[in-house]
Every structure is written in structure tokens, then in C-alpha cells.
Amino acid sequence: MKTLVVCSGGLDSVTLADKVARENTLVGLISFDYGQRHRTELNRARRAAERLSVPFDLIDISAFGRHLAGSALTDEIDVPDGHYAEETMRITVVPNRNAIMLTVAFGIASARKADAVAAAFHGGDHFIYPDCRPAFTDAFQAMQNAALDGLGRIELYTPFVDRSKAEIVAEGARLGTPFAETWSCYKGGARHCGRCGTCVERREAFHLADVADPTGYDDADFWRAATRGKANHVPG
């Protein structure tokens, strides 16, 4: 199955790219510049494509992204610290982001005669990101079946949609994903901050998967306090 992977350069999507390369036919990685506050992830996505010897396309939708105001990922709003389960993390939602990016990706996949578009949505995203949930992926598939009727069916491949971040780490370890070459932090400093939602989730996932975490964090211990009392509570 010829598959185009939507790759941000984060741990989940790079692991997905490795999974597709191992199990199917990876035809390329596609990333989006939607005006996010830093480009560190995008550079990691490009490196992943080079490592996997596939084409890399960076689609510039930043002019459109400027109209998606109000998110800490696109505006000059402080990225909150803490666990994804905190209500404060809702400020990191970019309205309709995944629907927009997938629509573009499906158009490109159709033009290139690919069979599938892969996205690394996972169970940990469900709490605050509505366009990462199974209901969204099912509805999007139905919409694309209608949109591309007569042009060939393209599957939306989301193997992690019901899996935890820890399970993705375990999968990446099995595949040999170079975790140190991926980026999760929303703040985009020289190192992972260790305090934002994605850093906390990343650090916790390595612990739960019992996989060594090669990531350098400015605050490597904050995750313990942030996860205390949450669903995947890890004792301090």
C-alpha cells in the first residue's frame, strides 16, 4: 500500500513513518507550516525523510493559519505548563488544524496515485483535541470517499488512534526509531522544556514503556508532579 505520511517531526509521527516504511510502501513525508511558533519540529521531519530516503514536502499554509487566532501554538500566548488533562491545555487547540491538513494531504495523495494517508493521532490526544478522535477520523474518511468518488479510494491510516503514547514509544523502540531526533516541546527552545503538556506526556510515556528516554529536558522531574492524580499516575 503506497502511503503518504503526515509528519510533524514529533515522536508519534516519526514512529509512524518508520512503521509505514517497515510494513508498507512509504512514498513520502508531508509537513505543514501553519504559522506555528517555532520550526524545530519541521526540521526534524525533514531529517526523518532524509533518513528514510523519501521525498519531503513542506506545505506553506501560514497565510491561512494567521486567521486561526487564539491558540498558544500560533499566537503570542504563553504555552501553559502541566498535564494534557488540565483544562488550561485547551489554549493549545488550533481550530480544525487536522481537518485542514488532511484535506490537503488527501488531494496530494490522489494526485500522486497513493493508496493511503497516514496520521499519528493517538489516544492521549482525545481529551482536548477533537480532530484526533475516532469519531473525527471515521467522519473524515466518509467525507473523502465522497470527495474522491471515481478517482480511487484513499484510506486514512491511523494505527495509533486508540493507543497510548507509551505504546507508541514501545512500538518505536521495536522499530528502532531514533527518538533523540524527534521533537515534542511546544515552546521551541534549545532543549525540551520538560514542563509543557507535550513534554510531560513524552517523559511519562518513556517511563511507562520502560524505554530509556534520550531527550534532554530543562526540567526533567516536573512530569512527576504534573502526572500525580491523573489517569496514568506515576508515583514520585
Foldseek 3Di string as FASTA:
>chain_A
DEEEEAFQLALQRLLVQLVCVVPHHYAEYEYEPQQFPDNLSVVLRVVSCVVSVHDYYYHYNNVVSVVQDQAVGHDVDDFAFFAPLDPSNLSHERPCVVVVVVVVVVVVCLVVVGAEYEYAQADSPVNRYVCSAPVNQVVSQVVVCVVCPPSHRYYYHHPHSYPALLVSVLSCVVSVRPNQSGDFASVDDPFRACTGHRNLSNLLSCVVNVHDDPGDHPDNPNSQVRQPPPPSHDHD
